[in-house]
Protein backbone atom coordinates (compact mmCIF):
# COMPACT_ATOMS: atom_id res chain seq x y z
CA UNK A 1 16.51 -30.81 8.32
CA UNK A 2 17.81 -28.79 5.38
CA UNK A 3 19.88 -30.16 2.51
CA UNK A 4 23.20 -28.21 2.22
CA UNK A 5 21.97 -25.00 -0.39
CA UNK A 6 18.76 -26.31 -0.58
CA UNK A 7 16.99 -23.19 -1.67
CA UNK A 8 13.24 -24.45 -0.01
CA UNK A 9 13.98 -27.01 2.25
CA UNK A 10 10.59 -27.25 3.49
CA UNK A 11 6.89 -27.55 2.00
CA UNK A 12 3.60 -28.74 3.11
CA UNK A 13 0.10 -28.60 3.13
CA UNK A 14 -2.13 -27.58 6.06
CA UNK A 15 -5.39 -27.45 6.47
CA UNK A 16 -6.82 -24.67 9.19
CA UNK A 17 -9.38 -26.59 11.36
CA UNK A 18 -12.59 -25.52 9.34
CA UNK A 19 -11.44 -25.01 5.65
CA UNK A 20 -11.62 -27.45 3.40
CA UNK A 21 -8.81 -26.01 1.18
CA UNK A 22 -5.33 -26.26 1.96
CA UNK A 23 -2.67 -23.28 2.65
CA UNK A 24 0.86 -24.54 1.24
CA UNK A 25 3.47 -23.47 3.72
CA UNK A 26 7.16 -23.30 2.56
CA UNK A 27 10.61 -22.99 4.53
CA UNK A 28 13.44 -21.26 2.21
CA UNK A 29 17.15 -20.02 2.98
CA UNK A 30 17.28 -16.71 0.97
CA UNK A 31 21.57 -17.77 1.67
CA UNK A 32 21.15 -20.39 -0.77
CA UNK A 33 18.95 -18.10 -3.17
CA UNK A 34 20.46 -17.98 -6.92
CA UNK A 35 18.45 -16.26 -10.25
CA UNK A 36 18.33 -19.64 -11.70
CA UNK A 37 16.40 -20.90 -8.79
CA UNK A 38 13.47 -19.59 -11.01
CA UNK A 39 13.95 -22.09 -14.38
CA UNK A 40 14.40 -24.85 -11.49
CA UNK A 41 11.08 -24.23 -10.13
CA UNK A 42 9.44 -23.07 -13.33
CA UNK A 43 8.99 -19.93 -12.15
CA UNK A 44 9.01 -16.19 -14.61
CA UNK A 45 11.48 -13.85 -13.03
CA UNK A 46 9.20 -10.88 -13.69
CA UNK A 47 11.22 -7.73 -15.43
CA UNK A 48 10.22 -5.60 -12.62
CA UNK A 49 12.69 -7.72 -10.65
CA UNK A 50 15.34 -8.15 -12.36
CA UNK A 51 17.17 -4.98 -10.58
CA UNK A 52 15.97 -5.87 -6.86
CA UNK A 53 17.56 -6.83 -4.00
CA UNK A 54 18.73 -10.98 -3.49
CA UNK A 55 16.07 -10.59 -0.75
CA UNK A 56 12.92 -9.41 -2.85
CA UNK A 57 13.81 -12.02 -5.33
CA UNK A 58 14.14 -14.78 -2.57
CA UNK A 59 10.80 -13.71 -1.03
CA UNK A 60 8.83 -13.14 -4.40
CA UNK A 61 10.14 -16.48 -5.15
CA UNK A 62 9.37 -18.76 -2.08
CA UNK A 63 5.61 -17.14 -2.29
CA UNK A 64 5.11 -17.70 -6.16
CA UNK A 65 6.90 -21.37 -5.59
CA UNK A 66 3.55 -22.06 -2.70
CA UNK A 67 1.08 -20.34 -5.38
CA UNK A 68 2.11 -22.76 -8.03
CA UNK A 69 1.37 -25.45 -5.54
CA UNK A 70 -1.97 -24.03 -4.28
CA UNK A 71 -3.12 -23.97 -7.41
CA UNK A 72 -2.55 -27.49 -8.47
CA UNK A 73 -4.53 -28.23 -5.28
CA UNK A 74 -7.09 -26.01 -6.32
CA UNK A 75 -7.01 -27.99 -9.55
CA UNK A 76 -5.89 -25.01 -12.12
CA UNK A 77 -4.00 -26.26 -15.06
CA UNK A 78 -2.47 -23.26 -15.31
CA UNK A 79 0.39 -22.08 -12.74
CA UNK A 80 1.29 -18.37 -13.88
CA UNK A 81 0.22 -15.65 -11.55
CA UNK A 82 0.63 -12.21 -13.48
CA UNK A 83 1.95 -9.18 -11.43
CA UNK A 84 1.43 -5.28 -12.26
CA UNK A 85 4.12 -2.88 -10.14
CA UNK A 86 2.14 -2.31 -6.69
CA UNK A 87 -0.61 -4.45 -7.58
CA UNK A 88 -2.21 -7.47 -5.54
CA UNK A 89 -1.29 -11.12 -7.76
CA UNK A 90 -3.61 -11.58 -10.72
CA UNK A 91 -4.73 -14.81 -10.33
CA UNK A 92 -6.13 -17.09 -13.12
CA UNK A 93 -9.72 -16.82 -14.09
CA UNK A 94 -12.08 -18.31 -12.14
CA UNK A 95 -9.60 -18.77 -9.17
CA UNK A 96 -9.08 -16.85 -6.22
CA UNK A 97 -5.96 -16.61 -3.83
CA UNK A 98 -3.91 -14.72 -1.85
CA UNK A 99 0.29 -15.29 -1.44
CA UNK A 100 2.21 -14.16 2.17
CA UNK A 101 5.86 -14.47 2.99
CA UNK A 102 8.06 -13.94 6.06
CA UNK A 103 11.90 -12.97 5.29
CA UNK A 104 12.34 -17.23 5.37
CA UNK A 105 8.61 -18.52 5.07
CA UNK A 106 6.05 -17.86 2.74
CA UNK A 107 2.39 -19.33 2.30
CA UNK A 108 -0.27 -19.60 -0.33
CA UNK A 109 -4.14 -20.68 -0.62
CA UNK A 110 -6.32 -20.87 -4.05
CA UNK A 111 -9.37 -21.66 -4.14
CA UNK A 112 -11.85 -22.16 -7.67
CA UNK A 113 -14.36 -19.48 -7.46
CA UNK A 114 -14.43 -16.06 -8.75
CA UNK A 115 -17.52 -15.15 -6.12
CA UNK A 116 -14.91 -15.03 -3.13
CA UNK A 117 -11.81 -12.41 -2.04
CA UNK A 118 -9.44 -14.13 -0.12
CA UNK A 119 -6.58 -12.81 2.55
CA UNK A 120 -3.93 -14.77 4.03
CA UNK A 121 -1.11 -13.63 6.41
CA UNK A 122 1.87 -14.83 7.81
CA UNK A 123 3.92 -13.00 10.80
CA UNK A 124 6.60 -14.04 12.90
CA UNK A 125 5.23 -13.77 16.81
CA UNK A 126 5.99 -10.30 17.74
CA UNK A 127 9.61 -9.54 19.79
CA UNK A 128 8.91 -8.16 23.42
CA UNK A 129 11.22 -5.86 22.38
CA UNK A 130 8.87 -4.00 19.73
CA UNK A 131 5.40 -5.36 21.34
CA UNK A 132 4.26 -2.02 22.99
CA UNK A 133 5.06 0.25 19.42
CA UNK A 134 2.92 -1.99 17.78
CA UNK A 135 0.34 -2.63 20.02
CA UNK A 136 0.09 1.11 19.90
CA UNK A 137 -0.24 1.37 16.35
CA UNK A 138 -2.61 -1.31 15.49
CA UNK A 139 -4.64 -1.85 18.71
CA UNK A 140 -7.83 0.40 19.62
CA UNK A 141 -9.61 0.65 23.35
CA UNK A 142 -11.73 -2.32 22.98
CA UNK A 143 -9.29 -4.76 21.51
CA UNK A 144 -6.85 -4.15 24.51
CA UNK A 145 -10.32 -4.70 26.58
CA UNK A 146 -10.35 -8.12 24.49
CA UNK A 147 -6.58 -9.08 25.47
CA UNK A 148 -6.93 -7.77 28.73
CA UNK A 149 -10.00 -10.48 29.15
CA UNK A 150 -8.22 -13.13 27.39
CA UNK A 151 -5.53 -12.70 30.27
CA UNK A 152 -1.31 -11.38 29.99
CA UNK A 153 -0.38 -15.44 28.95
CA UNK A 154 -2.14 -15.07 25.59
CA UNK A 155 -1.11 -10.95 25.18
CA UNK A 156 1.61 -11.38 22.82
CA UNK A 157 0.08 -14.09 20.41
CA UNK A 158 -3.50 -11.79 20.49
CA UNK A 159 -1.71 -8.75 19.79
CA UNK A 160 0.19 -10.65 16.89
CA UNK A 161 -2.83 -12.00 15.61
CA UNK A 162 -5.10 -9.20 15.74
CA UNK A 163 -2.22 -7.54 13.02
CA UNK A 164 -2.86 -10.21 11.11
CA UNK A 165 -5.98 -10.44 10.61
CA UNK A 166 -6.36 -6.57 9.92
CA UNK A 167 -3.15 -7.41 7.11
CA UNK A 168 -5.25 -10.39 5.83
CA UNK A 169 -8.60 -8.44 5.87
CA UNK A 170 -6.52 -5.01 3.70
CA UNK A 171 -5.30 -7.83 1.18
CA UNK A 172 -8.88 -9.47 0.97
CA UNK A 173 -11.02 -6.23 0.41
CA UNK A 174 -8.62 -3.78 -0.99
CA UNK A 175 -9.57 -4.14 -4.18
CA UNK A 176 -12.98 -4.49 -3.56
CA UNK A 177 -13.89 -0.69 -1.97
CA UNK A 178 -12.61 2.43 -3.05
CA UNK A 179 -12.21 3.46 0.95
CA UNK A 180 -9.17 3.74 1.64
CA UNK A 181 -8.42 1.06 4.49
CA UNK A 182 -6.07 1.12 7.79
CA UNK A 183 -5.89 -0.72 10.88
CA UNK A 184 -8.80 1.28 12.27
CA UNK A 185 -11.09 -0.03 9.37
CA UNK A 186 -11.81 -3.18 11.74
CA UNK A 187 -12.12 -4.47 15.23
CA UNK A 188 -11.41 -7.65 16.56
CA UNK A 189 -14.34 -8.37 18.76
CA UNK A 190 -13.29 -11.99 20.31
CA UNK A 191 -10.52 -14.50 19.43
CA UNK A 192 -11.00 -18.57 20.15
CA UNK A 193 -7.87 -20.29 21.22
CA UNK A 194 -9.70 -23.87 20.99
CA UNK A 195 -10.93 -23.47 17.54
CA UNK A 196 -8.54 -21.10 16.05
CA UNK A 197 -11.46 -18.66 15.51
CA UNK A 198 -11.96 -14.92 15.55
CA UNK A 199 -14.83 -12.43 14.74
CA UNK A 200 -14.64 -8.92 13.90
CA UNK A 201 -16.27 -5.89 13.06
CA UNK A 202 -16.18 -3.44 10.02
CA UNK A 203 -15.80 0.11 11.69
CA UNK A 204 -16.77 1.83 8.60
CA UNK A 205 -19.22 1.40 5.34
CA UNK A 206 -17.09 -0.16 2.83
CA UNK A 207 -19.90 -0.29 0.47
CA UNK A 208 -23.26 -0.68 0.70
CA UNK A 209 -23.48 -4.53 1.94
CA UNK A 210 -20.72 -4.45 3.95
CA UNK A 211 -21.46 -1.08 6.24
CA UNK A 212 -20.15 -0.29 9.63
CA UNK A 213 -21.15 -2.95 12.00
CA UNK A 214 -21.01 -5.81 9.84
CA UNK A 215 -19.73 -8.91 11.75
CA UNK A 216 -17.57 -11.45 10.05
CA UNK A 217 -15.42 -14.62 10.65
CA UNK A 218 -10.99 -14.95 10.50
CA UNK A 219 -9.40 -18.26 10.70
CA UNK A 220 -5.50 -18.62 12.35
CA UNK A 221 -3.33 -21.23 13.16
CA UNK A 222 0.26 -21.85 13.79
CA UNK A 223 2.60 -23.06 11.44
CA UNK A 224 5.24 -23.45 14.28
CA UNK A 225 5.87 -22.46 17.87
CA UNK A 226 7.53 -19.14 16.25
CA UNK A 227 4.67 -17.64 13.51
CA UNK A 228 1.37 -17.67 12.82
CA UNK A 229 -0.77 -17.41 10.08
CA UNK A 230 -4.58 -15.51 9.41
CA UNK A 231 -7.19 -16.37 6.53
CA UNK A 232 -10.11 -14.02 5.70
CA UNK A 233 -12.32 -15.10 2.78
CA UNK A 234 -14.93 -12.58 2.18
CA UNK A 235 -17.61 -13.20 -0.49
CA UNK A 236 -17.91 -10.92 -3.23
CA UNK A 237 -21.73 -10.70 -2.99
CA UNK A 238 -21.31 -9.11 0.68
CA UNK A 239 -19.42 -6.49 -0.90
């Protein structure tokens, strides 16, 4: 239960079924946010966020809080993650990681290896009100057939998952290729609800090795009934 005026009121380490490295998940309440929370949690408020709206400061803090805990789990003595305008987080040398957040929760993962690139995403389940609009935007013909094959009782989850995996892929690959990525860059080709795994293939050549038609794997989980989290790990020698 949430304690009164406790900004971050739930933190836990959660493992994907097939990944040894845990993710750090937290829930937070923006209504209880103050700038003093940065100092209390030992995280620096970047200058470029000093004039940001409360929502942005609150979600940034929650994400960096999770990242700090994830780095500790990964054995990193440093906890600072640099930030540049309109750029992904800059992780300590020798470590890879990723951060994601919603309006009330955040996740992060860190791993001690410079040879992988990680993308993580957390999403609220897409609502019935917006699902058709989202589906038209992100789901291609082959993915529509996959959704139909898996049955209507999984449709909302699967559309949400397809969106999330594509977000995770973008985070993992964006800095490793000069190509402009979009929702059309990959296609989700299978979803295994029992083992929390999905496969996807690249629809375009991103590099000489990560060519069109390359098949890769993503993992997913539900930290709670209303949300899902996906994870994409790319070996940099694949790029």
